[in-house]
């Protein structure tokens, strides 16, 4: 049974720690043509990428600022979304 989480970031942190970068269980997959997996990211990779981008966002913005996510469909959008959450 999973513990209760206050935020989605708490869940990502929990899953990243539990997965420890094994890559066995993707957090998100992207079906580039609508049927076949063209990209995927596990929880540890998602957290690492999102935290790195969050640090960059924090250097350019203040907490609560609005950020426009202008991405092509794919994993980069998901990373950007979670980076915004990590950055506040």
N, C-alpha and C. Protein backbone atom coordinates (compact mmCIF):
# COMPACT_ATOMS: atom_id res chain seq x y z
N UNK A 1 0.84 -1.18 0.00
CA UNK A 1 0.00 0.00 0.00
C UNK A 1 0.89 1.25 0.00
N UNK A 2 0.56 2.20 -0.85
CA UNK A 2 1.32 3.44 -0.95
C UNK A 2 0.95 4.38 0.20
N UNK A 3 1.93 5.13 0.68
CA UNK A 3 1.61 6.17 1.66
C UNK A 3 0.84 7.30 0.99
N UNK A 4 0.21 8.14 1.78
CA UNK A 4 -0.48 9.29 1.22
C UNK A 4 0.54 10.37 0.88
N UNK A 5 0.27 11.08 -0.20
CA UNK A 5 1.18 12.12 -0.66
C UNK A 5 0.46 13.46 -0.68
N UNK A 6 1.13 14.50 -0.21
CA UNK A 6 0.54 15.83 -0.19
C UNK A 6 0.52 16.45 -1.59
N UNK A 7 1.55 16.14 -2.39
CA UNK A 7 1.64 16.72 -3.74
C UNK A 7 2.09 15.66 -4.73
N UNK A 8 1.96 15.97 -5.99
CA UNK A 8 2.43 15.05 -7.03
C UNK A 8 3.96 14.96 -7.00
N UNK A 9 4.61 16.02 -6.55
CA UNK A 9 6.07 16.00 -6.42
C UNK A 9 6.49 14.99 -5.35
N UNK A 10 5.72 14.89 -4.27
CA UNK A 10 6.01 13.87 -3.25
C UNK A 10 5.95 12.48 -3.85
N UNK A 11 4.99 12.26 -4.73
CA UNK A 11 4.86 10.96 -5.40
C UNK A 11 6.05 10.69 -6.31
N UNK A 12 6.45 11.68 -7.10
CA UNK A 12 7.61 11.52 -7.99
C UNK A 12 8.86 11.21 -7.16
N UNK A 13 9.06 11.95 -6.06
CA UNK A 13 10.22 11.70 -5.20
C UNK A 13 10.20 10.28 -4.64
N UNK A 14 9.04 9.83 -4.19
CA UNK A 14 8.89 8.49 -3.63
C UNK A 14 9.20 7.42 -4.69
N UNK A 15 8.60 7.58 -5.87
CA UNK A 15 8.82 6.60 -6.94
C UNK A 15 10.27 6.62 -7.43
N UNK A 16 10.88 7.80 -7.51
CA UNK A 16 12.28 7.89 -7.95
C UNK A 16 13.20 7.18 -6.96
N UNK A 17 12.94 7.36 -5.68
CA UNK A 17 13.76 6.70 -4.66
C UNK A 17 13.55 5.19 -4.69
N UNK A 18 12.33 4.75 -4.89
CA UNK A 18 12.02 3.32 -4.92
C UNK A 18 12.60 2.64 -6.16
N UNK A 19 12.60 3.36 -7.27
CA UNK A 19 13.09 2.78 -8.53
C UNK A 19 14.61 2.80 -8.60
N UNK A 20 15.21 3.74 -7.94
CA UNK A 20 16.67 3.93 -7.92
C UNK A 20 17.31 3.83 -9.31
N UNK A 21 16.64 4.39 -10.32
CA UNK A 21 17.21 4.46 -11.65
C UNK A 21 17.26 3.15 -12.41
N UNK A 22 16.45 2.18 -12.01
CA UNK A 22 16.50 0.88 -12.67
C UNK A 22 15.99 0.94 -14.10
N UNK A 23 15.10 1.90 -14.40
CA UNK A 23 14.57 2.03 -15.75
C UNK A 23 13.57 0.95 -16.11
N UNK A 24 13.26 0.07 -15.18
CA UNK A 24 12.36 -1.04 -15.47
C UNK A 24 10.91 -0.60 -15.62
N UNK A 25 10.54 0.42 -14.88
CA UNK A 25 9.15 0.86 -14.88
C UNK A 25 9.08 2.31 -15.34
N UNK A 26 8.74 2.54 -16.59
CA UNK A 26 8.69 3.92 -17.06
C UNK A 26 7.59 4.71 -16.35
N UNK A 27 7.90 5.96 -16.05
CA UNK A 27 6.90 6.86 -15.49
C UNK A 27 5.96 7.31 -16.60
N UNK A 28 6.54 7.63 -17.75
CA UNK A 28 5.77 8.10 -18.91
C UNK A 28 6.39 7.51 -20.17
N UNK A 29 5.55 7.19 -21.10
CA UNK A 29 5.99 6.79 -22.43
C UNK A 29 5.30 7.68 -23.44
N UNK A 30 5.95 7.92 -24.55
CA UNK A 30 5.38 8.73 -25.62
C UNK A 30 5.25 7.88 -26.86
N UNK A 31 4.08 7.86 -27.41
CA UNK A 31 3.80 7.12 -28.65
C UNK A 31 3.87 8.11 -29.80
N UNK A 32 5.03 8.21 -30.42
CA UNK A 32 5.26 9.21 -31.46
C UNK A 32 4.30 9.12 -32.62
N UNK A 33 3.95 7.91 -33.03
CA UNK A 33 3.03 7.73 -34.14
C UNK A 33 1.63 7.33 -33.66
N UNK A 34 1.43 7.38 -32.35
CA UNK A 34 0.15 7.01 -31.79
C UNK A 34 0.04 5.54 -31.42
N UNK A 35 1.02 4.73 -31.82
CA UNK A 35 0.97 3.30 -31.54
C UNK A 35 2.26 2.74 -30.98
N UNK A 36 3.39 3.29 -31.40
CA UNK A 36 4.69 2.74 -31.01
C UNK A 36 5.44 3.70 -30.10
N UNK A 37 6.07 3.14 -29.07
CA UNK A 37 6.84 3.94 -28.12
C UNK A 37 8.05 4.54 -28.82
N UNK A 38 8.14 5.86 -28.78
CA UNK A 38 9.29 6.53 -29.38
C UNK A 38 10.19 7.15 -28.32
N UNK A 39 9.69 7.30 -27.10
CA UNK A 39 10.49 7.86 -26.01
C UNK A 39 9.85 7.44 -24.70
N UNK A 40 10.66 7.33 -23.67
CA UNK A 40 10.17 6.98 -22.34
C UNK A 40 11.11 7.54 -21.31
N UNK A 41 10.60 7.71 -20.10
CA UNK A 41 11.42 8.17 -18.98
C UNK A 41 10.95 7.46 -17.73
N UNK A 42 11.91 6.98 -16.93
CA UNK A 42 11.56 6.36 -15.65
C UNK A 42 11.49 7.45 -14.59
N UNK A 43 11.06 7.08 -13.38
CA UNK A 43 10.87 8.08 -12.33
C UNK A 43 12.17 8.76 -11.93
N UNK A 44 13.24 8.00 -11.83
CA UNK A 44 14.52 8.60 -11.46
C UNK A 44 15.00 9.58 -12.53
N UNK A 45 14.86 9.20 -13.79
CA UNK A 45 15.24 10.10 -14.88
C UNK A 45 14.35 11.32 -14.95
N UNK A 46 13.05 11.13 -14.72
CA UNK A 46 12.12 12.25 -14.71
C UNK A 46 12.50 13.23 -13.62
N UNK A 47 12.76 12.73 -12.42
CA UNK A 47 13.12 13.62 -11.32
C UNK A 47 14.42 14.35 -11.63
N UNK A 48 15.43 13.64 -12.10
CA UNK A 48 16.73 14.26 -12.38
C UNK A 48 16.59 15.38 -13.42
N UNK A 49 15.86 15.09 -14.49
CA UNK A 49 15.70 16.10 -15.54
C UNK A 49 14.87 17.28 -15.06
N UNK A 50 13.80 16.99 -14.32
CA UNK A 50 12.91 18.06 -13.84
C UNK A 50 13.62 18.94 -12.81
N UNK A 51 14.39 18.34 -11.91
CA UNK A 51 15.11 19.12 -10.90
C UNK A 51 16.16 20.01 -11.56
N UNK A 52 16.84 19.49 -12.56
CA UNK A 52 17.85 20.29 -13.27
C UNK A 52 17.19 21.48 -13.97
N UNK A 53 16.08 21.24 -14.63
CA UNK A 53 15.37 22.33 -15.31
C UNK A 53 14.77 23.29 -14.29
N UNK A 54 14.30 22.78 -13.16
CA UNK A 54 13.75 23.64 -12.10
C UNK A 54 14.81 24.61 -11.59
N UNK A 55 16.03 24.14 -11.44
CA UNK A 55 17.12 25.02 -10.98
C UNK A 55 17.33 26.15 -11.98
N UNK A 56 17.26 25.83 -13.25
CA UNK A 56 17.40 26.86 -14.29
C UNK A 56 16.23 27.85 -14.22
N UNK A 57 15.02 27.32 -14.08
CA UNK A 57 13.85 28.20 -13.97
C UNK A 57 13.96 29.12 -12.76
N UNK A 58 14.43 28.59 -11.64
CA UNK A 58 14.55 29.39 -10.42
C UNK A 58 15.57 30.51 -10.58
N UNK A 59 16.55 30.30 -11.46
CA UNK A 59 17.54 31.35 -11.68
C UNK A 59 16.99 32.48 -12.54
N UNK A 60 15.88 32.23 -13.21
CA UNK A 60 15.31 33.22 -14.13
C UNK A 60 13.98 33.79 -13.68
N UNK A 61 13.33 33.15 -12.70
CA UNK A 61 11.99 33.55 -12.29
C UNK A 61 11.89 33.60 -10.77
N UNK A 62 10.78 34.09 -10.30
CA UNK A 62 10.46 34.08 -8.87
C UNK A 62 9.36 33.07 -8.64
N UNK A 63 9.29 32.48 -7.42
CA UNK A 63 8.19 31.56 -7.13
C UNK A 63 6.83 32.20 -7.41
N UNK A 64 5.97 31.47 -8.05
CA UNK A 64 4.65 31.96 -8.39
C UNK A 64 4.55 32.62 -9.76
N UNK A 65 5.70 32.91 -10.39
CA UNK A 65 5.66 33.47 -11.74
C UNK A 65 5.02 32.47 -12.69
N UNK A 66 4.47 32.98 -13.74
CA UNK A 66 3.89 32.12 -14.78
C UNK A 66 4.96 31.76 -15.79
N UNK A 67 4.88 30.54 -16.27
CA UNK A 67 5.83 30.04 -17.26
C UNK A 67 5.03 29.39 -18.37
N UNK A 68 5.36 29.70 -19.60
CA UNK A 68 4.69 29.10 -20.76
C UNK A 68 5.48 27.87 -21.19
N UNK A 69 4.80 26.73 -21.26
CA UNK A 69 5.42 25.50 -21.74
C UNK A 69 5.09 25.36 -23.22
N UNK A 70 6.05 25.65 -24.06
CA UNK A 70 5.85 25.58 -25.51
C UNK A 70 6.73 24.47 -26.06
N UNK A 71 6.21 23.26 -26.03
CA UNK A 71 6.96 22.08 -26.47
C UNK A 71 6.18 21.35 -27.55
N UNK A 72 6.91 20.66 -28.39
CA UNK A 72 6.29 19.68 -29.25
C UNK A 72 5.78 18.56 -28.35
N UNK A 73 4.80 17.79 -28.78
CA UNK A 73 4.34 16.67 -27.95
C UNK A 73 5.52 15.73 -27.64
N UNK A 74 5.58 15.28 -26.40
CA UNK A 74 6.63 14.35 -26.03
C UNK A 74 7.01 14.46 -24.57
N UNK A 75 8.06 13.75 -24.21
CA UNK A 75 8.53 13.67 -22.84
C UNK A 75 9.02 15.03 -22.34
N UNK A 76 9.58 15.85 -23.21
CA UNK A 76 10.08 17.16 -22.78
C UNK A 76 8.98 18.01 -22.16
N UNK A 77 7.76 17.89 -22.64
CA UNK A 77 6.65 18.64 -22.04
C UNK A 77 6.42 18.16 -20.60
N UNK A 78 6.43 16.85 -20.40
CA UNK A 78 6.22 16.28 -19.07
C UNK A 78 7.33 16.76 -18.12
N UNK A 79 8.57 16.73 -18.59
CA UNK A 79 9.69 17.20 -17.77
C UNK A 79 9.49 18.68 -17.42
N UNK A 80 9.10 19.48 -18.41
CA UNK A 80 8.86 20.90 -18.17
C UNK A 80 7.76 21.15 -17.16
N UNK A 81 6.69 20.37 -17.24
CA UNK A 81 5.58 20.50 -16.30
C UNK A 81 6.06 20.25 -14.87
N UNK A 82 6.76 19.13 -14.68
CA UNK A 82 7.23 18.81 -13.34
C UNK A 82 8.33 19.76 -12.88
N UNK A 83 9.12 20.28 -13.80
CA UNK A 83 10.13 21.28 -13.43
C UNK A 83 9.45 22.52 -12.85
N UNK A 84 8.35 22.93 -13.44
CA UNK A 84 7.61 24.07 -12.91
C UNK A 84 7.12 23.79 -11.50
N UNK A 85 6.65 22.58 -11.26
CA UNK A 85 6.18 22.22 -9.93
C UNK A 85 7.34 22.21 -8.93
N UNK A 86 8.46 21.64 -9.32
CA UNK A 86 9.63 21.65 -8.44
C UNK A 86 10.11 23.08 -8.17
N UNK A 87 10.06 23.94 -9.17
CA UNK A 87 10.55 25.31 -9.03
C UNK A 87 9.60 26.18 -8.23
N UNK A 88 8.37 25.76 -8.12
CA UNK A 88 7.39 26.54 -7.37
C UNK A 88 6.76 27.61 -8.22
